[in-house]
Amino acid sequence: MSNQTLQIEAEFPEKLSFLSEPYRYKVLYGGRGSGKSWGVARELLIQGAIRQQPLRILCAREVQRSIKQSVHQLLSDQIQSLNLGSFYEILENEIRGKNGTKFSFTGLANNTVESIKSFEGVDRVWVEEAQTVSKKSWDILIPTIRKPGSEIWVSFNPDLDSDDTYKRFVIDTPDNAKVVKVNWSDNPWFPAVLNAERIHSKQTSDDYDNIWEGECKTAVDGAIYANEIRDAQENGRITNVPYDPELKVHVVMDLGWNDSMSVILVQKGVSELRVIKYIEDDHRTLDSYSAELKNLPYNWGQMYLPHDGQTKDFKYGTSAEEIMRRHGWDVRIVPRLDVESGIKLARINFHRVYFDKSTERLIECLKHYRRSISATTNEPGAPLHDEYSHGADAFRYLAVSADKFSNESWQTQPIHYDNVGIV
């Protein structure tokens, strides 16, 4: 590739040839050793050098606490490889071309709708390690990159098929997008030292398909229910699960306000448990959840609350149990059991559970539910309390209560909406 004063010679794997073509989205995903990152870096450097008009190129990732966490070093290495050292000036926090092209670097998680407005004039965005980018970050970034002819380049090794990046680009591919899976076998310069590692991994690691072949994991590393989720996927228990009006719908809740409130709706068949709906939200009253549920045309059974459902809220002097009873629910309290025993019961019952596809958020919680790791001993400890633990807690309560679920009719209690406490 050349312009009037610049001669550049560069080779690319055949699967990366589309990088020089005009697409709004250019997405490369796959396993280790494919050459995705250096191919993107090389093509962006070439485009920035040969264009008559300078390019503004933003290199982003979800979290960047320092320039060392960016692709700054990778670009610097490719500048030397392409003999572009006389054209590009490598600075501490940016890279500049003699024609005005500029590479800048940012962490998406640190930006807000307001702060990211400074990127409106960007011509190219390269999002590296994009498997970690959140839905919130994408929703802020994509509408901001709106200059005519602007492009968004995405490269990543997939993690879970429920991650927003994978769903957004691979499963629900947008218009004017080129999405290419690239693996080690597509790299004609795949080094022998990496091939030896690959072969060893294939012989010894359960994660070979993810690491080297770019296949999604069934759960995050160290996930408590990793094997159970894999079994559910392989045996088709994450599927379309229709509501059966002949069976009662039981409500299992993990209570929260600042943290998420998690609500599982489940039916019990002869031997199976059918999860037909999942609700998760925060900063909502119990009144609003009750109203939402009552609007569903279901044959209601019992409502199961954890033990803190019997605790009176200090502001109102009313417990969640009392509120839901006043709304006409047949409230039961989940049998008291320690967390580890509850997890054991969840594992025992997992093979009985069928998940409707619409409950993907609950499935995501179960895929991410893992233990904390001691910084001193590196040993696993209690389950981690994070954004995924609330759904997993509700599922644990489901497993603990499963033998209590009944399809027998019960006498409907009168519903009183006046003078009901709010939590």
Protein backbone atom coordinates (compact mmCIF):
# COMPACT_ATOMS: atom_id res chain seq x y z
CA MET A 1 0.00 0.00 0.00
CA SER A 2 1.34 3.44 -0.80
CA ASN A 3 0.72 7.15 -1.22
CA GLN A 4 2.95 9.74 -2.90
CA THR A 5 5.73 9.55 -0.31
CA LEU A 6 5.04 6.44 1.72
CA GLN A 7 5.62 2.82 0.77
CA ILE A 8 4.17 0.16 3.08
CA GLU A 9 4.44 -3.59 2.67
CA ALA A 10 2.25 -5.71 4.92
CA GLU A 11 0.83 -9.22 4.93
CA PHE A 12 -2.46 -10.33 6.48
CA PRO A 13 -4.18 -13.66 7.01
CA GLU A 14 -6.80 -14.16 4.31
CA LYS A 15 -9.66 -13.96 6.82
CA LEU A 16 -8.59 -10.42 7.75
CA SER A 17 -8.70 -9.06 4.22
CA PHE A 18 -12.12 -7.52 4.88
CA LEU A 19 -10.53 -4.97 7.25
CA SER A 20 -9.74 -2.72 4.30
CA GLU A 21 -13.38 -2.82 3.12
CA PRO A 22 -16.05 -0.32 4.26
CA TYR A 23 -18.33 -1.69 6.99
CA ARG A 24 -19.92 0.12 9.91
CA TYR A 25 -18.96 -2.78 12.19
CA LYS A 26 -15.92 -5.00 11.74
CA VAL A 27 -15.98 -7.81 14.28
CA LEU A 28 -13.28 -10.41 14.82
CA TYR A 29 -13.68 -13.09 17.46
CA GLY A 30 -12.02 -16.41 18.16
CA GLY A 31 -9.32 -18.16 20.11
CA ARG A 32 -5.73 -17.53 21.02
CA GLY A 33 -3.00 -17.20 18.39
CA SER A 34 -5.27 -16.11 15.55
CA GLY A 35 -3.52 -12.79 14.94
CA LYS A 36 -6.70 -10.75 15.41
CA SER A 37 -5.16 -7.97 17.47
CA TRP A 38 -1.99 -7.45 15.52
CA GLY A 39 -3.97 -7.59 12.27
CA VAL A 40 -6.32 -4.84 13.45
CA ALA A 41 -3.42 -2.76 14.76
CA ARG A 42 -1.56 -3.13 11.47
CA GLU A 43 -4.53 -2.18 9.29
CA LEU A 44 -5.42 0.88 11.40
CA LEU A 45 -1.83 2.13 11.26
CA ILE A 46 -1.80 1.73 7.48
CA GLN A 47 -5.12 3.50 7.03
CA GLY A 48 -3.98 6.31 9.30
CA ALA A 49 -0.81 6.76 7.24
CA ILE A 50 -2.07 6.54 3.65
CA ARG A 51 -5.22 8.66 3.88
CA GLN A 52 -5.00 12.20 2.56
CA GLN A 53 -7.26 13.33 5.39
CA PRO A 54 -6.07 12.48 8.92
CA LEU A 55 -7.97 9.88 10.91
CA ARG A 56 -9.01 10.16 14.54
CA ILE A 57 -8.71 6.65 15.94
CA LEU A 58 -9.94 5.77 19.41
CA CYS A 59 -8.63 2.60 21.04
CA ALA A 60 -10.94 1.51 23.81
CA ARG A 61 -11.53 -1.27 26.28
CA GLU A 62 -13.95 -1.61 29.18
CA VAL A 63 -11.42 -0.83 31.92
CA GLN A 64 -8.17 1.11 31.44
CA ARG A 65 -6.53 2.31 34.63
CA SER A 66 -3.24 3.08 32.90
CA ILE A 67 -1.82 3.25 29.39
CA LYS A 68 -0.17 -0.13 30.05
CA GLN A 69 -3.61 -1.75 29.93
CA SER A 70 -4.25 -0.38 26.42
CA VAL A 71 -3.08 -1.47 22.95
CA HIS A 72 -0.51 1.34 22.97
CA GLN A 73 2.41 -1.11 23.14
CA LEU A 74 0.95 -3.36 20.45
CA LEU A 75 0.59 -0.40 18.09
CA SER A 76 4.13 0.73 18.91
CA ASP A 77 5.46 -2.73 18.05
CA GLN A 78 3.56 -2.77 14.75
CA ILE A 79 4.89 0.69 13.86
CA GLN A 80 8.38 -0.75 14.05
CA SER A 81 7.37 -3.90 12.16
CA LEU A 82 5.89 -1.82 9.32
CA ASN A 83 8.88 0.56 9.26
CA LEU A 84 6.62 3.49 10.06
CA GLY A 85 8.82 4.93 12.77
CA SER A 86 9.58 7.99 10.65
CA PHE A 87 5.86 8.68 10.17
CA TYR A 88 4.39 8.06 13.61
CA GLU A 89 5.47 9.79 16.80
CA ILE A 90 4.91 7.57 19.81
CA LEU A 91 4.02 9.64 22.87
CA GLU A 92 3.26 8.48 26.38
CA ASN A 93 -0.53 8.61 26.05
CA GLU A 94 -1.16 8.91 22.32
CA ILE A 95 0.34 8.22 18.90
CA ARG A 96 0.48 10.92 16.20
CA GLY A 97 1.05 10.72 12.46
CA LYS A 98 2.72 13.37 10.33
CA ASN A 99 -0.54 13.88 8.42
CA GLY A 100 -2.45 14.66 11.61
CA THR A 101 -3.73 11.14 12.28
CA LYS A 102 -4.05 10.55 16.01
CA PHE A 103 -4.52 7.41 18.13
CA SER A 104 -6.01 8.00 21.59
CA PHE A 105 -6.89 5.56 24.36
CA THR A 106 -9.71 5.27 26.87
CA GLY A 107 -11.55 2.99 29.28
CA LEU A 108 -15.26 2.88 28.48
CA ALA A 109 -16.38 2.15 32.03
CA ASN A 110 -14.92 5.49 33.13
CA ASN A 111 -16.99 7.51 30.66
CA THR A 112 -20.47 8.97 30.99
CA VAL A 113 -22.90 10.14 28.33
CA GLU A 114 -21.47 13.64 28.76
CA SER A 115 -17.76 12.82 28.83
CA ILE A 116 -17.91 10.54 25.81
CA LYS A 117 -19.27 13.38 23.64
CA SER A 118 -15.66 14.37 22.99
CA PHE A 119 -15.40 11.29 20.74
CA GLU A 120 -18.13 12.42 18.32
CA GLY A 121 -15.58 13.26 15.61
CA VAL A 122 -13.82 9.90 15.74
CA ASP A 123 -13.35 8.04 12.43
CA ARG A 124 -12.44 4.62 13.81
CA VAL A 125 -13.02 2.99 17.18
CA TRP A 126 -11.19 -0.19 18.04
CA VAL A 127 -12.64 -2.00 21.06
CA GLU A 128 -10.17 -4.67 22.20
CA GLU A 129 -10.97 -7.48 24.67
CA ALA A 130 -14.56 -6.60 23.94
CA GLN A 131 -15.99 -9.67 25.70
CA THR A 132 -15.85 -7.65 28.94
CA VAL A 133 -17.65 -4.56 27.59
CA SER A 134 -20.98 -3.99 29.31
CA LYS A 135 -24.31 -3.23 27.69
CA LYS A 136 -24.22 0.20 29.32
CA SER A 137 -20.85 1.00 27.72
CA TRP A 138 -22.01 -0.10 24.26
CA ASP A 139 -25.25 1.87 24.60
CA ILE A 140 -23.25 5.00 25.37
CA LEU A 141 -20.47 4.50 22.80
CA ILE A 142 -22.29 3.42 19.65
CA PRO A 143 -24.64 6.43 19.24
CA THR A 144 -21.69 8.76 19.88
CA ILE A 145 -19.67 7.45 16.92
CA ARG A 146 -21.78 9.04 14.19
CA LYS A 147 -19.39 10.86 11.89
CA PRO A 148 -20.14 9.98 8.22
CA GLY A 149 -18.05 6.95 7.26
CA SER A 150 -17.07 6.17 10.86
CA GLU A 151 -16.45 2.54 11.79
CA ILE A 152 -16.47 0.47 14.95
CA TRP A 153 -13.92 -2.36 15.07
CA VAL A 154 -14.37 -5.09 17.67
CA SER A 155 -11.95 -7.86 18.62
CA PHE A 156 -12.37 -10.41 21.39
CA ASN A 157 -11.97 -13.94 22.64
CA PRO A 158 -15.52 -14.97 23.58
CA ASP A 159 -16.38 -15.80 27.15
CA LEU A 160 -20.10 -16.56 27.67
CA ASP A 161 -22.75 -16.60 24.97
CA SER A 162 -24.85 -14.44 27.30
CA ASP A 163 -22.27 -11.62 27.34
CA ASP A 164 -23.64 -8.47 25.73
CA THR A 165 -20.87 -8.20 23.12
CA TYR A 166 -21.43 -11.75 21.87
CA LYS A 167 -25.21 -11.32 21.74
CA ARG A 168 -24.99 -7.87 20.16
CA PHE A 169 -22.64 -8.75 17.30
CA VAL A 170 -22.51 -12.54 16.82
CA ILE A 171 -26.04 -13.68 17.68
CA ASP A 172 -27.97 -10.54 16.67
CA THR A 173 -25.63 -9.22 13.99
CA PRO A 174 -26.47 -5.59 13.08
CA ASP A 175 -26.87 -4.30 9.55
CA ASN A 176 -23.70 -3.30 7.68
CA ALA A 177 -21.54 -5.57 9.82
CA LYS A 178 -18.87 -8.07 8.89
CA VAL A 179 -18.42 -10.67 11.63
CA VAL A 180 -15.61 -13.18 11.23
CA LYS A 181 -14.47 -15.99 13.51
CA VAL A 182 -10.68 -16.30 13.38
CA ASN A 183 -8.66 -19.05 15.07
CA TRP A 184 -5.08 -20.29 15.22
CA SER A 185 -5.68 -22.44 12.14
CA ASP A 186 -6.38 -19.27 10.12
CA ASN A 187 -3.01 -17.74 10.99
CA PRO A 188 -0.34 -18.81 8.46
CA TRP A 189 2.34 -17.46 10.82
CA PHE A 190 1.12 -19.35 13.89
CA PRO A 191 4.37 -19.99 15.80
CA ALA A 192 5.61 -23.44 16.75
CA VAL A 193 5.96 -22.47 20.42
CA LEU A 194 2.24 -21.62 20.59
CA ASN A 195 1.33 -24.78 18.74
CA ALA A 196 3.13 -26.81 21.39
CA GLU A 197 1.07 -25.01 24.05
CA ARG A 198 -2.10 -25.64 22.08
CA ILE A 199 -1.45 -29.36 21.79
CA HIS A 200 -0.69 -29.61 25.51
CA SER A 201 -3.89 -27.71 26.30
CA LYS A 202 -5.92 -30.04 24.11
CA GLN A 203 -4.59 -33.00 26.06
CA THR A 204 -4.97 -31.55 29.54
CA SER A 205 -7.46 -28.66 29.69
CA ASP A 206 -11.25 -28.62 29.83
CA ASP A 207 -11.10 -25.07 28.46
CA TYR A 208 -9.32 -25.96 25.22
CA ASP A 209 -12.31 -25.20 22.98
CA ASN A 210 -12.71 -21.77 24.53
CA ILE A 211 -9.02 -20.83 24.66
CA TRP A 212 -7.96 -22.06 21.24
CA GLU A 213 -11.08 -22.65 19.15
CA GLY A 214 -13.03 -19.56 20.20
CA GLU A 215 -16.05 -21.44 21.53
CA CYS A 216 -18.08 -19.90 24.35
CA LYS A 217 -17.78 -21.21 27.88
CA THR A 218 -20.84 -22.59 29.60
CA ALA A 219 -20.00 -20.58 32.76
CA VAL A 220 -17.32 -18.25 34.11
CA ASP A 221 -14.12 -19.71 35.53
CA GLY A 222 -14.80 -21.09 38.99
CA ALA A 223 -18.58 -20.94 38.59
CA ILE A 224 -20.35 -22.95 41.28
CA TYR A 225 -22.90 -24.39 38.87
CA ALA A 226 -20.61 -24.73 35.82
CA ASN A 227 -21.20 -28.47 35.32
CA GLU A 228 -24.92 -28.16 35.96
CA ILE A 229 -25.32 -25.34 33.42
CA ARG A 230 -23.33 -27.32 30.86
CA ASP A 231 -25.58 -30.34 31.41
CA ALA A 232 -28.71 -28.20 31.04
CA GLN A 233 -27.44 -26.79 27.75
CA GLU A 234 -26.30 -30.12 26.34
CA ASN A 235 -29.57 -31.84 27.23
CA GLY A 236 -31.86 -29.13 25.89
CA ARG A 237 -33.25 -27.95 29.21
CA ILE A 238 -32.87 -24.29 28.24
CA THR A 239 -35.70 -24.14 25.77
CA ASN A 240 -39.26 -22.93 25.25
CA VAL A 241 -41.15 -23.81 28.43
CA PRO A 242 -44.84 -22.95 28.03
CA TYR A 243 -47.13 -22.10 30.92
CA ASP A 244 -49.39 -25.04 31.84
CA PRO A 245 -52.72 -23.79 33.24
CA GLU A 246 -53.29 -27.16 34.92
CA LEU A 247 -50.29 -26.56 37.20
CA LYS A 248 -49.88 -23.97 39.93
CA VAL A 249 -47.35 -21.19 39.44
CA HIS A 250 -45.24 -20.72 42.56
CA VAL A 251 -43.35 -17.50 43.30
CA VAL A 252 -39.86 -17.67 44.83
CA MET A 253 -38.29 -14.36 45.88
CA ASP A 254 -34.96 -13.04 47.08
CA LEU A 255 -35.75 -9.70 48.70
CA GLY A 256 -33.85 -6.51 47.93
CA TRP A 257 -34.12 -2.75 47.63
CA ASN A 258 -30.72 -1.23 46.86
CA ASP A 259 -29.65 -4.71 45.80
CA SER A 260 -31.75 -6.53 43.25
CA MET A 261 -35.08 -8.13 44.03
CA SER A 262 -35.18 -11.49 42.25
CA VAL A 263 -38.44 -13.28 41.46
CA ILE A 264 -38.66 -16.78 39.96
CA LEU A 265 -41.95 -18.19 38.69
CA VAL A 266 -41.90 -21.99 38.65
CA GLN A 267 -44.30 -24.84 37.97
CA LYS A 268 -43.86 -28.39 39.25
CA GLY A 269 -44.68 -31.33 36.99
CA VAL A 270 -44.54 -35.00 37.83
CA SER A 271 -40.77 -34.93 38.28
CA GLU A 272 -39.56 -31.72 36.65
CA LEU A 273 -39.42 -28.09 37.73
CA ARG A 274 -40.32 -25.60 35.02
CA VAL A 275 -38.98 -22.06 35.35
CA ILE A 276 -41.31 -20.03 33.14
CA LYS A 277 -40.49 -16.41 34.07
CA TYR A 278 -37.89 -14.36 35.91
CA ILE A 279 -38.13 -10.77 37.18
CA GLU A 280 -35.21 -8.74 38.54
CA ASP A 281 -35.24 -5.09 39.52
CA ASP A 282 -34.34 -2.72 42.36
CA HIS A 283 -35.80 0.25 44.23
CA ARG A 284 -39.36 -1.04 43.78
CA THR A 285 -42.00 -1.64 46.44
CA LEU A 286 -43.48 -5.01 47.17
CA ASP A 287 -46.82 -3.50 46.17
CA SER A 288 -45.54 -3.00 42.62
CA TYR A 289 -44.23 -6.57 42.33
CA SER A 290 -47.53 -7.94 43.60
CA ALA A 291 -49.46 -5.85 41.07
CA GLU A 292 -47.17 -6.98 38.23
CA LEU A 293 -47.66 -10.62 39.16
CA LYS A 294 -51.42 -10.32 39.61
CA ASN A 295 -51.67 -8.93 36.08
CA LEU A 296 -50.34 -12.23 34.73
CA PRO A 297 -53.11 -14.72 33.83
CA TYR A 298 -51.64 -17.53 35.90
CA ASN A 299 -53.02 -20.25 38.15
CA TRP A 300 -51.25 -19.07 41.29
CA GLY A 301 -49.84 -21.32 43.96
CA GLN A 302 -47.70 -20.30 46.93
CA MET A 303 -45.24 -17.46 47.38
CA TYR A 304 -41.93 -18.37 49.06
CA LEU A 305 -39.95 -15.70 50.91
CA PRO A 306 -36.59 -16.03 52.67
CA HIS A 307 -36.40 -15.72 56.46
CA ASP A 308 -35.78 -11.98 56.32
CA GLY A 309 -39.28 -11.76 54.88
CA GLN A 310 -40.51 -12.08 58.47
CA THR A 311 -38.43 -9.12 59.66
CA LYS A 312 -40.43 -5.95 60.23
CA ASP A 313 -39.13 -2.95 58.29
CA PHE A 314 -38.02 -0.32 60.80
CA LYS A 315 -39.64 2.49 58.79
CA TYR A 316 -43.09 0.98 58.56
CA GLY A 317 -43.23 -1.72 61.22
CA THR A 318 -44.45 -4.23 58.63
CA SER A 319 -42.77 -7.33 57.25
CA ALA A 320 -42.67 -8.48 53.63
CA GLU A 321 -44.64 -11.54 54.67
CA GLU A 322 -47.42 -9.39 56.15
CA ILE A 323 -47.55 -7.13 53.08
CA MET A 324 -47.84 -10.01 50.64
CA ARG A 325 -50.46 -11.77 52.75
CA ARG A 326 -52.53 -8.58 52.71
CA HIS A 327 -52.28 -8.66 48.93
CA GLY A 328 -53.85 -12.11 48.95
CA TRP A 329 -50.77 -14.28 48.52
CA ASP A 330 -50.43 -17.66 50.23
CA VAL A 331 -47.03 -16.88 51.74
CA ARG A 332 -44.61 -19.55 52.89
CA ILE A 333 -41.17 -19.06 54.40
CA VAL A 334 -38.28 -20.94 52.80
CA PRO A 335 -37.04 -23.67 55.15
CA ARG A 336 -33.99 -22.49 57.04
CA LEU A 337 -30.82 -24.01 55.65
CA ASP A 338 -27.22 -22.80 55.55
CA VAL A 339 -25.86 -21.56 52.22
CA GLU A 340 -23.61 -24.53 51.50
CA SER A 341 -26.39 -27.03 52.17
CA GLY A 342 -28.66 -24.97 49.93
CA ILE A 343 -26.09 -25.04 47.12
CA LYS A 344 -25.86 -28.81 47.50
CA LEU A 345 -29.63 -29.10 47.16
CA ALA A 346 -29.56 -26.82 44.12
CA ARG A 347 -27.02 -29.12 42.47
CA ILE A 348 -29.08 -32.19 43.33
CA ASN A 349 -32.23 -30.65 41.84
CA PHE A 350 -30.60 -28.97 38.83
CA HIS A 351 -31.20 -31.93 36.52
CA ARG A 352 -34.96 -31.57 37.12
CA VAL A 353 -35.10 -27.92 36.06
CA TYR A 354 -36.20 -26.70 32.63
CA PHE A 355 -35.56 -23.01 31.94
CA ASP A 356 -37.61 -20.97 29.50
CA LYS A 357 -35.37 -19.02 27.12
CA SER A 358 -36.93 -15.79 28.35
CA THR A 359 -35.26 -16.33 31.75
CA GLU A 360 -31.84 -15.61 30.28
CA ARG A 361 -30.99 -13.17 33.09
CA LEU A 362 -31.44 -15.93 35.69
CA ILE A 363 -29.31 -18.27 33.57
CA GLU A 364 -26.66 -15.54 33.35
CA CYS A 365 -26.68 -15.25 37.16
CA LEU A 366 -26.17 -19.00 37.52
CA LYS A 367 -23.34 -18.94 34.98
CA HIS A 368 -21.57 -16.17 36.95
CA TYR A 369 -22.24 -17.39 40.49
CA ARG A 370 -18.81 -18.13 41.96
CA ARG A 371 -16.82 -18.12 45.17
CA SER A 372 -14.62 -15.37 46.52
CA ILE A 373 -10.90 -16.13 46.41
CA SER A 374 -8.65 -15.34 49.35
CA ALA A 375 -5.91 -12.88 48.41
CA THR A 376 -3.52 -14.53 50.87
CA THR A 377 -4.18 -18.24 50.38
CA ASN A 378 -5.72 -18.19 46.88
CA GLU A 379 -8.31 -20.62 48.23
CA PRO A 380 -12.03 -20.36 47.41
CA GLY A 381 -14.30 -19.12 50.17
CA ALA A 382 -17.95 -18.18 50.52
CA PRO A 383 -20.00 -17.34 47.40
CA LEU A 384 -19.23 -13.88 46.07
CA HIS A 385 -21.84 -11.21 46.73
CA ASP A 386 -22.25 -9.31 43.46
CA GLU A 387 -24.85 -8.45 40.82
CA TYR A 388 -25.33 -12.13 40.00
CA SER A 389 -25.74 -13.54 43.50
CA HIS A 390 -29.34 -12.41 43.98
CA GLY A 391 -30.69 -14.52 41.14
CA ALA A 392 -28.57 -17.44 42.32
CA ASP A 393 -29.92 -17.00 45.87
CA ALA A 394 -33.49 -17.11 44.58
CA PHE A 395 -32.66 -20.30 42.68
CA ARG A 396 -31.22 -21.79 45.86
CA TYR A 397 -34.47 -20.97 47.67
CA LEU A 398 -36.34 -22.68 44.83
CA ALA A 399 -34.31 -25.85 45.32
CA VAL A 400 -34.75 -25.80 49.10
CA SER A 401 -38.53 -25.36 48.74
CA ALA A 402 -39.11 -27.64 45.73
CA ASP A 403 -40.53 -30.55 47.73
CA LYS A 404 -43.08 -28.17 49.28
CA PHE A 405 -44.54 -27.10 45.92
CA SER A 406 -48.08 -28.39 45.48
CA ASN A 407 -50.62 -28.27 42.67
CA GLU A 408 -53.57 -28.56 45.04
CA SER A 409 -55.98 -25.66 45.17
CA TRP A 410 -56.06 -23.39 48.20
CA GLN A 411 -58.64 -20.99 49.52
CA THR A 412 -58.02 -17.55 48.04
CA GLN A 413 -57.48 -14.94 50.69
CA PRO A 414 -59.24 -11.57 50.35
CA ILE A 415 -57.11 -8.85 48.79
CA HIS A 416 -56.92 -5.52 50.60
CA TYR A 417 -54.94 -2.70 48.97
CA ASP A 418 -55.67 0.01 51.52
CA ASN A 419 -53.43 0.68 54.49
CA VAL A 420 -50.75 -1.69 53.24
CA GLY A 421 -47.18 -1.03 54.44
CA ILE A 422 -44.47 -0.39 51.88
CA VAL A 423 -40.93 -1.71 51.92
